[in-house]
Protein backbone atom coordinates (compact mmCIF):
# COMPACT_ATOMS: atom_id res chain seq x y z
CA MET A 1 -90.25 58.70 12.76
CA GLN A 2 -90.56 56.31 15.69
CA VAL A 3 -90.00 53.02 13.86
CA TYR A 4 -86.44 52.33 12.75
CA GLU A 5 -83.69 49.77 13.03
CA LEU A 6 -81.27 50.60 15.83
CA SER A 7 -77.79 51.45 14.56
CA VAL A 8 -74.55 52.83 15.94
CA CYS A 9 -74.68 56.52 15.01
CA HIS A 10 -71.83 59.03 14.85
CA HIS A 11 -74.11 62.10 15.27
CA ASP A 12 -71.57 64.55 13.86
CA LEU A 13 -70.93 63.62 10.21
CA TRP A 14 -69.60 67.02 9.22
CA HIS A 15 -66.84 67.97 6.81
CA GLY A 16 -64.23 68.26 9.56
CA ASN A 17 -64.90 64.69 10.65
CA LEU A 18 -64.74 62.97 7.26
CA LEU A 19 -61.35 61.95 5.90
CA ILE A 20 -61.23 61.74 2.12
CA GLY A 21 -58.44 59.71 0.51
CA GLU A 22 -56.25 60.86 -2.37
CA SER A 23 -58.44 59.10 -4.93
CA GLY A 24 -61.63 60.60 -3.48
CA GLU A 25 -62.77 57.64 -1.38
CA LEU A 26 -64.03 57.92 2.19
CA ALA A 27 -60.92 56.95 4.15
CA GLY A 28 -62.13 57.48 7.71
CA VAL A 29 -64.43 59.19 10.17
CA LEU A 30 -63.13 61.19 13.15
CA ASP A 31 -64.54 62.54 16.44
CA TRP A 32 -66.56 59.78 18.01
CA ALA A 33 -67.53 61.81 21.12
CA HIS A 34 -71.28 61.70 20.42
CA VAL A 35 -71.63 58.09 19.31
CA GLU A 36 -74.77 56.35 20.49
CA VAL A 37 -77.30 53.78 19.37
CA GLY A 38 -80.19 55.36 17.52
CA ASP A 39 -81.68 56.11 14.11
CA ARG A 40 -79.05 56.02 11.35
CA ALA A 41 -81.11 58.53 9.34
CA HIS A 42 -80.02 61.15 11.89
CA ASP A 43 -76.42 60.77 10.70
CA PHE A 44 -77.40 61.63 7.14
CA ALA A 45 -79.36 64.81 7.97
CA ALA A 46 -76.36 67.17 8.03
CA THR A 47 -75.07 65.79 4.74
CA ARG A 48 -77.84 67.72 2.94
CA TYR A 49 -75.76 70.87 3.42
CA PHE A 50 -73.10 69.41 1.12
CA GLY A 51 -75.48 68.81 -1.78
CA GLU A 52 -77.23 65.80 -3.23
CA ARG A 53 -74.18 64.47 -5.08
CA PHE A 54 -72.09 64.30 -1.88
CA ARG A 55 -74.98 62.90 0.15
CA ARG A 56 -75.47 60.12 -2.38
CA TRP A 57 -71.72 59.43 -2.43
CA LEU A 58 -71.64 59.15 1.37
CA ILE A 59 -74.66 56.82 1.41
CA ASP A 60 -73.00 54.66 -1.26
CA ALA A 61 -69.78 54.51 0.82
CA TYR A 62 -71.86 53.56 3.86
CA LEU A 63 -73.59 50.78 1.89
CA GLU A 64 -70.27 49.49 0.49
CA SER A 65 -68.96 49.27 4.06
CA GLY A 66 -71.82 46.98 5.07
CA GLY A 67 -74.41 49.51 6.26
CA SER A 68 -78.02 49.57 5.14
CA PHE A 69 -80.14 52.52 4.06
CA GLY A 70 -83.75 51.62 3.35
CA SER A 71 -86.45 53.45 1.45
CA GLU A 72 -87.81 55.07 4.63
CA GLU A 73 -84.49 56.60 5.74
CA PRO A 74 -84.54 59.60 3.34
CA TYR A 75 -87.84 60.81 4.84
CA ARG A 76 -86.51 60.60 8.39
CA ALA A 77 -83.20 62.21 7.39
CA GLN A 78 -85.18 65.11 5.88
CA LYS A 79 -87.13 65.59 9.11
CA TYR A 80 -83.97 65.50 11.23
CA TRP A 81 -82.41 68.08 8.90
CA GLU A 82 -85.44 70.35 9.25
CA ALA A 83 -85.04 70.34 13.04
CA ARG A 84 -81.24 70.44 13.07
CA GLU A 85 -80.89 74.04 14.30
CA PHE A 86 -82.46 73.11 17.64
CA GLY A 87 -79.23 71.25 18.46
CA GLY A 88 -77.15 74.38 17.83
CA ILE A 89 -79.51 76.45 19.94
CA ALA A 90 -79.28 73.94 22.79
CA TRP A 91 -75.46 74.00 22.56
CA ALA A 92 -75.46 77.82 22.67
CA ILE A 93 -77.67 77.85 25.77
CA GLU A 94 -75.57 75.19 27.53
CA ASN A 95 -72.38 77.13 26.73
CA SER A 96 -73.79 80.63 27.36
CA ASP A 97 -72.85 81.73 23.83
CA ASP A 98 -75.26 84.55 22.99
CA GLN A 99 -73.85 85.10 19.50
CA VAL A 100 -74.29 81.46 18.49
CA LEU A 101 -77.74 81.51 20.12
CA ASP A 102 -78.80 84.54 18.06
CA GLU A 103 -77.39 82.97 14.88
CA GLY A 104 -79.18 79.70 15.62
CA ILE A 105 -82.51 81.43 16.16
CA GLN A 106 -82.09 83.32 12.87
CA LYS A 107 -81.19 80.08 11.03
CA LEU A 108 -84.24 78.41 12.53
CA LYS A 109 -86.49 81.26 11.41
CA ARG A 110 -85.10 81.06 7.86
CA GLY A 111 -85.12 77.28 7.80
CA PRO A 112 -87.57 74.73 6.45
CA LEU A 113 -89.77 74.51 9.56
CA PHE A 114 -90.87 78.13 9.32
CA LYS A 115 -90.99 78.14 5.50
CA LYS A 116 -93.55 75.34 5.67
CA ALA A 117 -95.52 77.11 8.38
CA SER A 118 -95.94 80.22 6.22
CA LEU A 119 -97.46 78.32 3.29
């Protein structure tokens, strides 16, 4: 998890930030408020929610645009996805949103980190 090539990362590749063209191609990416240099695998963690077919399509579009996605990135993307709810919990605390905090805690409890722990 600590060894990766530094890349410019969007950090919010979510359906509302991806523009899809009329013929189904990735036409653009919006909302660059959280851009920073880091691990590109982090950007692909949230795409797991959209299913494997979409995730693969997005990675292919990224590669066609000149990006790289090595054999070690899927492992790191999986680990970032497993810990993803911590970001929502942090946002809820920072914004004093008790409802989102409760939802985030419940998602975390149902998520892959606790499923693995109960094995």
